Each structure stands twice: as structure tokens, then as C-alpha cells.
Amino acid sequence: MTVLVGRRAPDFTVPAVLADGSIQDAWSFSEKTAGKYALVFFYPLDFTFVCPTELVALDKAIDAFKSRGVEVITVSIDSQFTHHAWRNTPVDQGGIGPVRYTMVADIAHRICQAYGVEHPDAGVAFRGTFLVDKAGMVRSQIVNDLPLGRNMSEILRLFDAIEFTEQHGEVCPADWQEGDDALAPTAEGVATYLRDHK
């Protein structure tokens, strides 16, 4: 397992299915996310079980991600053609429908290996979630085992926290939500915060 937090997100150029359903043969992560926040969202396989619930939930939250300026990229070891077929399969038939984000094809496994999320036995990606800032640096990395689906609200909360710390220079305490008090990263700041939030 590779810890990428505090490092530049590994770049890649691969085939992808775009939000409009078209296929692009050479989609570049660094080009498409330059100057933007990015969510790199790994999942094991198309046409499986937990995966469609996550990808549909991600699509339902896409407007919230867009409002924060986040480029959403999903990654699995499937081909762009399988991604395309899955998008064109209705939700009530095990598909994900016309989701509104980029789906990257990692058929050579290079991306999941670069991000350190390839399952050692199954040969698919764990449920890896990487939050990348506008400078291309990984700010959060969460990796779930295959049976454990993710919470989109928590991912959005983390993007809010990243943006808050960038803008205000304060740090976000446990359970922080947008609009909550933060604290100065000093001993006095911690003491004041704990005194005021007993």
C-alpha cells in the first residue's frame, strides 16, 4: 500500500468514457484536472454488486461536486467499451445509466498500481478514494475493502474542509462541517476550541 497524501497525484493518459457518453482514446488526468479539485474514485469491476450502488450515488451527488469545482473520475480495470455498455444498461437491469462523470479504463492495471490500491489476490482495485487539490497534490486517501461501500457526503465534507483550510489557514476539528467553528493550529487555538466546545 502506498501513502500518497502530501505527494503529487500520479498522472495517467488512458481511454475513457466521458460524461456525455462519448469515448476518448487518450484522456489525460493532468490536462483535464489542471487548476481544479479532483476526485479519483477506484472501484473493482463493472456489472458487479456494491459498485453500481456507489456509482449511482456518485451520480446523484454530481451537482454537489460540480458546485465545489471538483472533477470526478472513476477508475476500474474494465475497458472503455465495458464502461460504455454499463452506462447504456438501465439501473433496474443492473446498469448505472447515463452517469455524468468520466469513467477511466485501467485495463493494464497501471493506475491502480500507481495509486497503490490493487488487491493482491483478486487483481482488481480496492475501493480507493483520492481527493486531489488544485495544485495536483493528494490531500486525502481512503481505501475500503471490496465489500464496503462509501459515503458521498463524507467525501463532499472533506472537499469542504480542504477548501476551508486553504482559504482561512485554520484547521478542521473532528466532525467539522461547513459553517462550523475551526481552530488556529496552535496550542492556544486547541485550548480555546476545546473550552468553547465541551
N, C-alpha and C. Protein backbone atom coordinates (compact mmCIF):
# COMPACT_ATOMS: atom_id res chain seq x y z
N MET A 1 0.84 -1.19 0.00
CA MET A 1 0.00 0.00 0.00
C MET A 1 0.88 1.24 0.00
N THR A 2 0.59 2.17 -0.86
CA THR A 2 1.35 3.41 -0.98
C THR A 2 0.56 4.55 -0.36
N VAL A 3 1.21 5.32 0.51
CA VAL A 3 0.57 6.53 1.05
C VAL A 3 0.94 7.69 0.15
N LEU A 4 -0.06 8.25 -0.51
CA LEU A 4 0.17 9.34 -1.47
C LEU A 4 -0.17 10.71 -0.89
N VAL A 5 -0.75 10.77 0.28
CA VAL A 5 -1.11 12.06 0.87
C VAL A 5 0.15 12.92 1.01
N GLY A 6 0.06 14.15 0.54
CA GLY A 6 1.20 15.06 0.57
C GLY A 6 2.09 14.95 -0.65
N ARG A 7 1.73 14.08 -1.58
CA ARG A 7 2.50 13.90 -2.80
C ARG A 7 1.64 14.24 -4.02
N ARG A 8 2.30 14.44 -5.14
CA ARG A 8 1.56 14.72 -6.37
C ARG A 8 0.82 13.47 -6.82
N ALA A 9 -0.41 13.65 -7.24
CA ALA A 9 -1.22 12.53 -7.72
C ALA A 9 -0.59 11.96 -8.98
N PRO A 10 -0.40 10.65 -9.05
CA PRO A 10 0.17 10.05 -10.27
C PRO A 10 -0.67 10.39 -11.50
N ASP A 11 0.01 10.78 -12.57
CA ASP A 11 -0.66 11.15 -13.81
C ASP A 11 -0.91 9.90 -14.65
N PHE A 12 -1.87 9.99 -15.56
CA PHE A 12 -2.13 8.88 -16.48
C PHE A 12 -2.86 9.42 -17.70
N THR A 13 -2.64 8.76 -18.82
CA THR A 13 -3.36 9.04 -20.07
C THR A 13 -3.85 7.71 -20.61
N VAL A 14 -5.16 7.54 -20.64
CA VAL A 14 -5.77 6.27 -21.00
C VAL A 14 -7.11 6.51 -21.70
N PRO A 15 -7.69 5.48 -22.30
CA PRO A 15 -9.04 5.63 -22.84
C PRO A 15 -10.05 5.87 -21.72
N ALA A 16 -11.12 6.59 -22.06
CA ALA A 16 -12.15 6.90 -21.07
C ALA A 16 -13.49 7.12 -21.76
N VAL A 17 -14.54 6.94 -21.00
CA VAL A 17 -15.88 7.32 -21.42
C VAL A 17 -16.21 8.63 -20.72
N LEU A 18 -16.57 9.64 -21.48
CA LEU A 18 -16.83 10.96 -20.92
C LEU A 18 -18.26 11.08 -20.41
N ALA A 19 -18.54 12.20 -19.74
CA ALA A 19 -19.85 12.41 -19.15
C ALA A 19 -20.98 12.41 -20.17
N ASP A 20 -20.66 12.75 -21.42
CA ASP A 20 -21.69 12.75 -22.47
C ASP A 20 -21.84 11.40 -23.15
N GLY A 21 -21.09 10.39 -22.68
CA GLY A 21 -21.19 9.05 -23.24
C GLY A 21 -20.23 8.77 -24.38
N SER A 22 -19.50 9.78 -24.82
CA SER A 22 -18.54 9.56 -25.91
C SER A 22 -17.27 8.91 -25.36
N ILE A 23 -16.56 8.21 -26.26
CA ILE A 23 -15.31 7.55 -25.89
C ILE A 23 -14.14 8.37 -26.39
N GLN A 24 -13.19 8.62 -25.49
CA GLN A 24 -11.96 9.32 -25.85
C GLN A 24 -10.80 8.36 -25.71
N ASP A 25 -9.99 8.24 -26.74
CA ASP A 25 -8.91 7.25 -26.73
C ASP A 25 -7.74 7.61 -25.83
N ALA A 26 -7.51 8.90 -25.61
CA ALA A 26 -6.36 9.32 -24.81
C ALA A 26 -6.78 10.46 -23.89
N TRP A 27 -7.35 10.09 -22.74
CA TRP A 27 -7.81 11.07 -21.76
C TRP A 27 -6.68 11.29 -20.76
N SER A 28 -6.28 12.56 -20.59
CA SER A 28 -5.14 12.89 -19.73
C SER A 28 -5.61 13.46 -18.40
N PHE A 29 -5.25 12.78 -17.32
CA PHE A 29 -5.62 13.25 -15.98
C PHE A 29 -5.07 14.65 -15.72
N SER A 30 -3.78 14.86 -15.99
CA SER A 30 -3.17 16.16 -15.66
C SER A 30 -3.77 17.29 -16.48
N GLU A 31 -4.09 17.03 -17.73
CA GLU A 31 -4.67 18.07 -18.57
C GLU A 31 -6.10 18.40 -18.15
N LYS A 32 -6.89 17.39 -17.87
CA LYS A 32 -8.31 17.61 -17.57
C LYS A 32 -8.57 18.12 -16.16
N THR A 33 -7.57 17.99 -15.28
CA THR A 33 -7.79 18.44 -13.90
C THR A 33 -6.91 19.63 -13.53
N ALA A 34 -6.18 20.18 -14.47
CA ALA A 34 -5.29 21.30 -14.17
C ALA A 34 -6.07 22.45 -13.54
N GLY A 35 -5.62 22.89 -12.38
CA GLY A 35 -6.25 24.01 -11.70
C GLY A 35 -7.58 23.70 -11.07
N LYS A 36 -7.95 22.42 -10.97
CA LYS A 36 -9.23 22.02 -10.39
C LYS A 36 -9.00 21.05 -9.23
N TYR A 37 -9.99 20.96 -8.36
CA TYR A 37 -10.03 19.83 -7.44
C TYR A 37 -10.41 18.59 -8.24
N ALA A 38 -9.95 17.43 -7.78
CA ALA A 38 -10.27 16.18 -8.48
C ALA A 38 -10.55 15.08 -7.47
N LEU A 39 -11.52 14.25 -7.81
CA LEU A 39 -11.81 13.04 -7.06
C LEU A 39 -11.46 11.86 -7.95
N VAL A 40 -10.50 11.04 -7.51
CA VAL A 40 -10.15 9.81 -8.22
C VAL A 40 -10.77 8.67 -7.41
N PHE A 41 -11.74 8.01 -8.03
CA PHE A 41 -12.64 7.09 -7.32
C PHE A 41 -12.50 5.69 -7.93
N PHE A 42 -11.69 4.84 -7.28
CA PHE A 42 -11.46 3.48 -7.76
C PHE A 42 -12.58 2.55 -7.29
N TYR A 43 -12.93 1.59 -8.16
CA TYR A 43 -13.87 0.54 -7.77
C TYR A 43 -13.45 -0.73 -8.50
N PRO A 44 -13.88 -1.92 -8.02
CA PRO A 44 -13.36 -3.18 -8.57
C PRO A 44 -13.74 -3.47 -10.01
N LEU A 45 -15.04 -3.55 -10.31
CA LEU A 45 -15.46 -4.02 -11.63
C LEU A 45 -16.84 -3.50 -12.01
N ASP A 46 -17.04 -3.28 -13.30
CA ASP A 46 -18.37 -3.02 -13.83
C ASP A 46 -19.24 -4.29 -13.69
N PHE A 47 -20.54 -4.09 -13.72
CA PHE A 47 -21.51 -5.19 -13.69
C PHE A 47 -21.34 -6.09 -12.47
N THR A 48 -21.02 -5.47 -11.32
CA THR A 48 -20.92 -6.27 -10.09
C THR A 48 -21.99 -5.80 -9.11
N PHE A 49 -21.70 -5.73 -7.82
CA PHE A 49 -22.76 -5.67 -6.81
C PHE A 49 -22.73 -4.37 -6.02
N VAL A 50 -21.73 -4.14 -5.21
CA VAL A 50 -21.63 -2.87 -4.48
C VAL A 50 -21.34 -1.72 -5.45
N CYS A 51 -20.57 -2.01 -6.48
CA CYS A 51 -20.11 -0.96 -7.40
C CYS A 51 -21.24 -0.13 -8.00
N PRO A 52 -22.31 -0.73 -8.52
CA PRO A 52 -23.35 0.12 -9.10
C PRO A 52 -24.02 1.02 -8.07
N THR A 53 -24.13 0.55 -6.81
CA THR A 53 -24.74 1.41 -5.80
C THR A 53 -23.88 2.64 -5.56
N GLU A 54 -22.56 2.45 -5.57
CA GLU A 54 -21.65 3.59 -5.37
C GLU A 54 -21.69 4.54 -6.56
N LEU A 55 -21.65 3.99 -7.78
CA LEU A 55 -21.57 4.85 -8.95
C LEU A 55 -22.87 5.61 -9.18
N VAL A 56 -24.01 5.00 -8.86
CA VAL A 56 -25.28 5.71 -8.94
C VAL A 56 -25.34 6.80 -7.87
N ALA A 57 -24.86 6.50 -6.65
CA ALA A 57 -24.83 7.51 -5.59
C ALA A 57 -23.91 8.66 -5.96
N LEU A 58 -22.80 8.35 -6.61
CA LEU A 58 -21.88 9.39 -7.05
C LEU A 58 -22.54 10.29 -8.08
N ASP A 59 -23.31 9.70 -8.99
CA ASP A 59 -24.02 10.49 -9.98
C ASP A 59 -25.08 11.37 -9.33
N LYS A 60 -25.78 10.84 -8.34
CA LYS A 60 -26.78 11.64 -7.64
C LYS A 60 -26.16 12.85 -6.94
N ALA A 61 -24.89 12.73 -6.55
CA ALA A 61 -24.19 13.81 -5.86
C ALA A 61 -23.39 14.70 -6.81
N ILE A 62 -23.47 14.46 -8.13
CA ILE A 62 -22.57 15.13 -9.06
C ILE A 62 -22.75 16.65 -9.03
N ASP A 63 -23.97 17.14 -8.86
CA ASP A 63 -24.16 18.59 -8.83
C ASP A 63 -23.46 19.21 -7.63
N ALA A 64 -23.46 18.49 -6.50
CA ALA A 64 -22.75 18.98 -5.31
C ALA A 64 -21.25 19.01 -5.56
N PHE A 65 -20.71 18.01 -6.25
CA PHE A 65 -19.28 18.02 -6.58
C PHE A 65 -18.98 19.16 -7.55
N LYS A 66 -19.82 19.33 -8.57
CA LYS A 66 -19.59 20.40 -9.55
C LYS A 66 -19.63 21.77 -8.90
N SER A 67 -20.54 21.96 -7.94
CA SER A 67 -20.64 23.27 -7.27
C SER A 67 -19.37 23.60 -6.49
N ARG A 68 -18.60 22.60 -6.15
CA ARG A 68 -17.33 22.79 -5.44
C ARG A 68 -16.14 22.80 -6.41
N GLY A 69 -16.42 22.69 -7.69
CA GLY A 69 -15.35 22.71 -8.69
C GLY A 69 -14.55 21.43 -8.74
N VAL A 70 -15.17 20.31 -8.41
CA VAL A 70 -14.48 19.01 -8.36
C VAL A 70 -14.71 18.25 -9.66
N GLU A 71 -13.63 17.84 -10.30
CA GLU A 71 -13.69 16.95 -11.46
C GLU A 71 -13.72 15.52 -10.95
N VAL A 72 -14.77 14.77 -11.29
CA VAL A 72 -14.95 13.41 -10.78
C VAL A 72 -14.49 12.41 -11.84
N ILE A 73 -13.59 11.50 -11.43
CA ILE A 73 -13.05 10.48 -12.32
C ILE A 73 -13.18 9.13 -11.62
N THR A 74 -13.87 8.19 -12.26
CA THR A 74 -13.92 6.84 -11.71
C THR A 74 -12.96 5.95 -12.49
N VAL A 75 -12.42 4.94 -11.79
CA VAL A 75 -11.39 4.08 -12.39
C VAL A 75 -11.66 2.63 -12.02
N SER A 76 -11.67 1.76 -13.03
CA SER A 76 -11.65 0.32 -12.78
C SER A 76 -10.82 -0.32 -13.88
N ILE A 77 -10.58 -1.62 -13.76
CA ILE A 77 -9.74 -2.32 -14.74
C ILE A 77 -10.52 -2.74 -15.98
N ASP A 78 -11.79 -2.33 -16.06
CA ASP A 78 -12.59 -2.64 -17.24
C ASP A 78 -12.16 -1.78 -18.43
N SER A 79 -12.54 -2.20 -19.63
CA SER A 79 -12.26 -1.42 -20.83
C SER A 79 -13.26 -0.28 -20.96
N GLN A 80 -12.92 0.67 -21.83
CA GLN A 80 -13.84 1.76 -22.13
C GLN A 80 -15.14 1.24 -22.75
N PHE A 81 -15.07 0.12 -23.44
CA PHE A 81 -16.25 -0.44 -24.08
C PHE A 81 -17.20 -1.06 -23.05
N THR A 82 -16.62 -1.68 -22.02
CA THR A 82 -17.44 -2.22 -20.94
C THR A 82 -18.08 -1.08 -20.15
N HIS A 83 -17.30 -0.03 -19.87
CA HIS A 83 -17.87 1.16 -19.22
C HIS A 83 -19.06 1.68 -20.03
N HIS A 84 -18.86 1.78 -21.34
CA HIS A 84 -19.90 2.31 -22.22
C HIS A 84 -21.16 1.44 -22.17
N ALA A 85 -20.95 0.12 -22.19
CA ALA A 85 -22.09 -0.80 -22.12
C ALA A 85 -22.82 -0.68 -20.79
N TRP A 86 -22.08 -0.52 -19.70
CA TRP A 86 -22.67 -0.40 -18.37
C TRP A 86 -23.51 0.87 -18.25
N ARG A 87 -22.99 1.96 -18.83
CA ARG A 87 -23.74 3.23 -18.84
C ARG A 87 -25.04 3.10 -19.65
N ASN A 88 -25.02 2.24 -20.65
CA ASN A 88 -26.19 2.07 -21.51
C ASN A 88 -27.13 0.96 -21.04
N THR A 89 -26.86 0.43 -19.86
CA THR A 89 -27.74 -0.56 -19.25
C THR A 89 -28.58 0.12 -18.18
N PRO A 90 -29.91 0.00 -18.24
CA PRO A 90 -30.75 0.67 -17.24
C PRO A 90 -30.44 0.22 -15.82
N VAL A 91 -30.67 1.12 -14.88
CA VAL A 91 -30.38 0.84 -13.47
C VAL A 91 -31.17 -0.38 -12.99
N ASP A 92 -32.42 -0.51 -13.42
CA ASP A 92 -33.22 -1.65 -12.95
C ASP A 92 -32.83 -2.98 -13.60
N GLN A 93 -31.82 -2.92 -14.47
CA GLN A 93 -31.28 -4.15 -15.06
C GLN A 93 -29.81 -4.35 -14.68
N GLY A 94 -29.37 -3.69 -13.62
CA GLY A 94 -28.01 -3.85 -13.12
C GLY A 94 -27.00 -2.89 -13.70
N GLY A 95 -27.48 -1.93 -14.50
CA GLY A 95 -26.58 -0.92 -15.05
C GLY A 95 -26.51 0.30 -14.16
N ILE A 96 -25.84 1.32 -14.65
CA ILE A 96 -25.72 2.57 -13.88
C ILE A 96 -26.37 3.74 -14.59
N GLY A 97 -26.84 3.51 -15.82
CA GLY A 97 -27.47 4.60 -16.56
C GLY A 97 -26.43 5.62 -17.02
N PRO A 98 -26.90 6.73 -17.59
CA PRO A 98 -26.00 7.74 -18.17
C PRO A 98 -25.38 8.65 -17.12
N VAL A 99 -24.44 8.10 -16.36
CA VAL A 99 -23.79 8.88 -15.31
C VAL A 99 -23.03 10.07 -15.90
N ARG A 100 -22.88 11.12 -15.09
CA ARG A 100 -22.38 12.40 -15.60
C ARG A 100 -20.96 12.70 -15.14
N TYR A 101 -20.07 11.73 -15.28
CA TYR A 101 -18.67 11.93 -14.94
C TYR A 101 -17.83 11.02 -15.83
N THR A 102 -16.53 11.21 -15.79
CA THR A 102 -15.59 10.44 -16.62
C THR A 102 -15.33 9.08 -16.00
N MET A 103 -15.36 8.05 -16.85
CA MET A 103 -15.04 6.68 -16.43
C MET A 103 -13.78 6.23 -17.17
N VAL A 104 -12.72 6.01 -16.42
CA VAL A 104 -11.41 5.70 -17.00
C VAL A 104 -11.21 4.19 -17.09
N ALA A 105 -10.56 3.75 -18.18
CA ALA A 105 -10.27 2.34 -18.39
C ALA A 105 -8.82 2.04 -17.99
N ASP A 106 -8.66 1.21 -16.98
CA ASP A 106 -7.33 0.85 -16.47
C ASP A 106 -7.04 -0.62 -16.77
N ILE A 107 -7.19 -1.00 -18.03
CA ILE A 107 -7.07 -2.42 -18.37
C ILE A 107 -5.66 -2.97 -18.17
N ALA A 108 -4.65 -2.12 -18.17
CA ALA A 108 -3.28 -2.57 -17.92
C ALA A 108 -2.93 -2.55 -16.43
N HIS A 109 -3.85 -2.11 -15.59
CA HIS A 109 -3.68 -2.08 -14.12
C HIS A 109 -2.63 -1.05 -13.69
N ARG A 110 -2.18 -0.21 -14.58
CA ARG A 110 -1.11 0.73 -14.22
C ARG A 110 -1.56 1.79 -13.23
N ILE A 111 -2.82 2.23 -13.36
CA ILE A 111 -3.29 3.31 -12.48
C ILE A 111 -3.51 2.77 -11.07
N CYS A 112 -4.18 1.63 -10.94
CA CYS A 112 -4.41 1.11 -9.59
C CYS A 112 -3.10 0.73 -8.92
N GLN A 113 -2.11 0.33 -9.69
CA GLN A 113 -0.80 0.05 -9.11
C GLN A 113 -0.09 1.34 -8.70
N ALA A 114 -0.17 2.38 -9.54
CA ALA A 114 0.47 3.65 -9.21
C ALA A 114 -0.11 4.27 -7.95
N TYR A 115 -1.41 4.07 -7.75
CA TYR A 115 -2.08 4.62 -6.56
C TYR A 115 -2.05 3.65 -5.38
N GLY A 116 -1.49 2.45 -5.59
CA GLY A 116 -1.31 1.50 -4.50
C GLY A 116 -2.58 0.83 -4.02
N VAL A 117 -3.58 0.67 -4.93
CA VAL A 117 -4.86 0.11 -4.48
C VAL A 117 -5.23 -1.21 -5.16
N GLU A 118 -4.28 -1.86 -5.80
CA GLU A 118 -4.60 -3.14 -6.43
C GLU A 118 -4.68 -4.24 -5.39
N HIS A 119 -5.77 -4.99 -5.41
CA HIS A 119 -5.95 -6.11 -4.49
C HIS A 119 -4.88 -7.17 -4.78
N PRO A 120 -4.19 -7.68 -3.77
CA PRO A 120 -3.06 -8.59 -4.03
C PRO A 120 -3.47 -9.94 -4.60
N ASP A 121 -4.71 -10.35 -4.37
CA ASP A 121 -5.16 -11.66 -4.85
C ASP A 121 -6.19 -11.55 -5.97
N ALA A 122 -7.15 -10.64 -5.82
CA ALA A 122 -8.26 -10.55 -6.78
C ALA A 122 -7.86 -9.85 -8.08
N GLY A 123 -6.78 -9.07 -8.05
CA GLY A 123 -6.32 -8.39 -9.26
C GLY A 123 -7.21 -7.24 -9.71
N VAL A 124 -8.07 -6.75 -8.81
CA VAL A 124 -8.90 -5.58 -9.09
C VAL A 124 -8.53 -4.49 -8.10
N ALA A 125 -9.09 -3.31 -8.29
CA ALA A 125 -8.81 -2.22 -7.36
C ALA A 125 -9.68 -2.34 -6.11
N PHE A 126 -9.08 -2.04 -4.95
CA PHE A 126 -9.88 -1.78 -3.76
C PHE A 126 -10.72 -0.53 -4.02
N ARG A 127 -11.61 -0.22 -3.09
CA ARG A 127 -12.43 1.00 -3.21
C ARG A 127 -11.62 2.19 -2.68
N GLY A 128 -10.73 2.67 -3.54
CA GLY A 128 -9.83 3.76 -3.17
C GLY A 128 -10.43 5.11 -3.53
N THR A 129 -10.31 6.05 -2.61
CA THR A 129 -10.86 7.40 -2.78
C THR A 129 -9.73 8.40 -2.56
N PHE A 130 -9.39 9.17 -3.59
CA PHE A 130 -8.29 10.12 -3.50
C PHE A 130 -8.82 11.51 -3.81
N LEU A 131 -8.61 12.43 -2.87
CA LEU A 131 -9.00 13.83 -3.06
C LEU A 131 -7.75 14.62 -3.40
N VAL A 132 -7.79 15.27 -4.55
CA VAL A 132 -6.63 15.97 -5.09
C VAL A 132 -6.94 17.46 -5.14
N ASP A 133 -5.99 18.29 -4.69
CA ASP A 133 -6.25 19.73 -4.69
C ASP A 133 -5.89 20.37 -6.03
N LYS A 134 -6.06 21.68 -6.11
CA LYS A 134 -5.88 22.38 -7.38
C LYS A 134 -4.43 22.39 -7.85
N ALA A 135 -3.51 22.12 -6.94
CA ALA A 135 -2.10 22.04 -7.29
C ALA A 135 -1.69 20.63 -7.70
N GLY A 136 -2.65 19.69 -7.70
CA GLY A 136 -2.35 18.32 -8.09
C GLY A 136 -1.82 17.45 -6.97
N MET A 137 -1.96 17.93 -5.71
CA MET A 137 -1.46 17.17 -4.57
C MET A 137 -2.58 16.37 -3.93
N VAL A 138 -2.28 15.13 -3.53
CA VAL A 138 -3.25 14.30 -2.83
C VAL A 138 -3.39 14.82 -1.41
N ARG A 139 -4.64 15.14 -1.02
CA ARG A 139 -4.90 15.68 0.32
C ARG A 139 -5.61 14.68 1.22
N SER A 140 -6.26 13.71 0.63
CA SER A 140 -6.92 12.66 1.42
C SER A 140 -6.90 11.37 0.63
N GLN A 141 -6.73 10.27 1.35
CA GLN A 141 -6.67 8.93 0.74
C GLN A 141 -7.41 7.98 1.68
N ILE A 142 -8.48 7.39 1.18
CA ILE A 142 -9.26 6.43 1.97
C ILE A 142 -9.41 5.17 1.13
N VAL A 143 -9.10 4.02 1.70
CA VAL A 143 -9.18 2.77 0.95
C VAL A 143 -10.05 1.79 1.72
N ASN A 144 -11.15 1.38 1.08
CA ASN A 144 -12.05 0.39 1.67
C ASN A 144 -11.82 -0.98 1.04
N ASP A 145 -12.08 -2.02 1.82
CA ASP A 145 -12.07 -3.37 1.29
C ASP A 145 -13.27 -3.54 0.34
N LEU A 146 -13.26 -4.60 -0.44
CA LEU A 146 -14.23 -4.78 -1.51
C LEU A 146 -15.69 -4.75 -1.06
N PRO A 147 -16.08 -5.30 0.11
CA PRO A 147 -17.50 -5.32 0.47
C PRO A 147 -18.03 -4.00 1.03
N LEU A 148 -17.17 -3.00 1.23
CA LEU A 148 -17.56 -1.81 2.00
C LEU A 148 -17.77 -0.60 1.10
N GLY A 149 -19.03 -0.23 0.88
CA GLY A 149 -19.38 0.93 0.07
C GLY A 149 -19.08 2.23 0.79
N ARG A 150 -18.95 3.29 0.01
CA ARG A 150 -18.55 4.59 0.55
C ARG A 150 -19.71 5.55 0.73
N ASN A 151 -19.44 6.63 1.47
CA ASN A 151 -20.43 7.66 1.79
C ASN A 151 -20.08 8.93 1.03
N MET A 152 -20.92 9.34 0.10
CA MET A 152 -20.62 10.52 -0.72
C MET A 152 -20.62 11.80 0.11
N SER A 153 -21.45 11.85 1.14
CA SER A 153 -21.49 13.05 1.99
C SER A 153 -20.16 13.27 2.69
N GLU A 154 -19.50 12.19 3.09
CA GLU A 154 -18.19 12.32 3.74
C GLU A 154 -17.14 12.83 2.77
N ILE A 155 -17.20 12.36 1.52
CA ILE A 155 -16.24 12.86 0.53
C ILE A 155 -16.45 14.35 0.29
N LEU A 156 -17.70 14.77 0.17
CA LEU A 156 -18.00 16.20 -0.01
C LEU A 156 -17.53 17.00 1.20
N ARG A 157 -17.74 16.46 2.41
CA ARG A 157 -17.29 17.15 3.63
C ARG A 157 -15.78 17.38 3.61
N LEU A 158 -15.05 16.37 3.14
CA LEU A 158 -13.59 16.52 3.08
C LEU A 158 -13.17 17.58 2.07
N PHE A 159 -13.85 17.65 0.92
CA PHE A 159 -13.53 18.73 -0.02
C PHE A 159 -13.84 20.10 0.60
N ASP A 160 -14.93 20.20 1.35
CA ASP A 160 -15.23 21.46 2.04
C ASP A 160 -14.12 21.81 3.02
N ALA A 161 -13.61 20.81 3.73
CA ALA A 161 -12.55 21.05 4.70
C ALA A 161 -11.25 21.48 4.01
N ILE A 162 -10.93 20.84 2.89
CA ILE A 162 -9.73 21.23 2.14
C ILE A 162 -9.83 22.68 1.71
N GLU A 163 -10.96 23.04 1.12
CA GLU A 163 -11.13 24.42 0.64
C GLU A 163 -11.10 25.41 1.81
N PHE A 164 -11.72 25.05 2.93
CA PHE A 164 -11.74 25.93 4.10
C PHE A 164 -10.32 26.19 4.61
N THR A 165 -9.54 25.13 4.75
CA THR A 165 -8.18 25.32 5.28
C THR A 165 -7.32 26.15 4.32
N GLU A 166 -7.54 25.97 3.02
CA GLU A 166 -6.80 26.77 2.04
C GLU A 166 -7.15 28.25 2.13
N GLN A 167 -8.41 28.54 2.35
CA GLN A 167 -8.88 29.92 2.34
C GLN A 167 -8.61 30.64 3.66
N HIS A 168 -8.70 29.91 4.79
CA HIS A 168 -8.68 30.57 6.09
C HIS A 168 -7.44 30.29 6.93
N GLY A 169 -6.68 29.26 6.57
CA GLY A 169 -5.47 28.96 7.33
C GLY A 169 -5.73 28.27 8.66
N GLU A 170 -7.00 28.06 8.99
CA GLU A 170 -7.33 27.33 10.21
C GLU A 170 -7.43 25.84 9.87
N VAL A 171 -7.54 25.01 10.91
CA VAL A 171 -7.65 23.57 10.71
C VAL A 171 -9.02 23.10 11.19
N CYS A 172 -9.45 21.97 10.65
CA CYS A 172 -10.81 21.47 10.89
C CYS A 172 -10.79 20.35 11.92
N PRO A 173 -11.51 20.53 13.02
CA PRO A 173 -11.51 19.51 14.07
C PRO A 173 -12.39 18.32 13.71
N ALA A 174 -12.45 17.36 14.61
CA ALA A 174 -13.29 16.17 14.43
C ALA A 174 -14.73 16.57 14.17
N ASP A 175 -15.35 15.88 13.22
CA ASP A 175 -16.77 16.06 12.88
C ASP A 175 -17.09 17.44 12.31
N TRP A 176 -16.07 18.18 11.88
CA TRP A 176 -16.30 19.51 11.30
C TRP A 176 -17.19 19.42 10.08
N GLN A 177 -18.14 20.35 9.97
CA GLN A 177 -18.99 20.52 8.80
C GLN A 177 -18.89 21.97 8.36
N GLU A 178 -19.17 22.23 7.09
CA GLU A 178 -19.14 23.60 6.59
C GLU A 178 -20.04 24.48 7.45
N GLY A 179 -19.50 25.61 7.91
CA GLY A 179 -20.22 26.52 8.78
C GLY A 179 -19.87 26.36 10.25
N ASP A 180 -19.22 25.24 10.61
CA ASP A 180 -18.81 25.03 12.00
C ASP A 180 -17.56 25.83 12.32
N ASP A 181 -17.29 25.97 13.61
CA ASP A 181 -16.05 26.60 14.04
C ASP A 181 -14.86 25.72 13.70
N ALA A 182 -13.77 26.37 13.33
CA ALA A 182 -12.49 25.68 13.15
C ALA A 182 -11.55 26.19 14.24
N LEU A 183 -10.26 25.91 14.12
CA LEU A 183 -9.35 26.37 15.14
C LEU A 183 -7.99 26.74 14.56
N ALA A 184 -7.33 27.65 15.25
CA ALA A 184 -5.98 28.02 14.86
C ALA A 184 -5.05 26.86 15.18
N PRO A 185 -4.08 26.56 14.31
CA PRO A 185 -3.18 25.43 14.54
C PRO A 185 -2.08 25.78 15.55
N THR A 186 -2.51 26.14 16.75
CA THR A 186 -1.59 26.48 17.84
C THR A 186 -2.10 25.85 19.12
N ALA A 187 -1.25 25.78 20.15
CA ALA A 187 -1.68 25.24 21.45
C ALA A 187 -2.82 26.07 22.01
N GLU A 188 -2.74 27.38 21.85
CA GLU A 188 -3.80 28.25 22.34
C GLU A 188 -5.09 28.03 21.55
N GLY A 189 -4.96 27.83 20.26
CA GLY A 189 -6.14 27.58 19.43
C GLY A 189 -6.86 26.31 19.83
N VAL A 190 -6.11 25.26 20.13
CA VAL A 190 -6.71 23.99 20.57
C VAL A 190 -7.41 24.20 21.91
N ALA A 191 -6.72 24.87 22.84
CA ALA A 191 -7.29 25.07 24.17
C ALA A 191 -8.58 25.88 24.09
N THR A 192 -8.57 26.93 23.27
CA THR A 192 -9.76 27.77 23.12
C THR A 192 -10.90 26.97 22.52
N TYR A 193 -10.61 26.19 21.50
CA TYR A 193 -11.65 25.40 20.85
C TYR A 193 -12.25 24.40 21.82
N LEU A 194 -11.41 23.66 22.55
CA LEU A 194 -11.91 22.65 23.48
C LEU A 194 -12.69 23.29 24.62
N ARG A 195 -12.27 24.46 25.06
CA ARG A 195 -13.00 25.16 26.12
C ARG A 195 -14.40 25.56 25.64
N ASP A 196 -14.47 26.01 24.38
CA ASP A 196 -15.75 26.50 23.86
C ASP A 196 -16.66 25.39 23.35
N HIS A 197 -16.13 24.17 23.22
CA HIS A 197 -16.91 23.07 22.66
C HIS A 197 -16.85 21.84 23.56
N LYS A 198 -17.10 22.05 24.85
CA LYS A 198 -17.06 20.95 25.80
C LYS A 198 -18.18 19.96 25.54
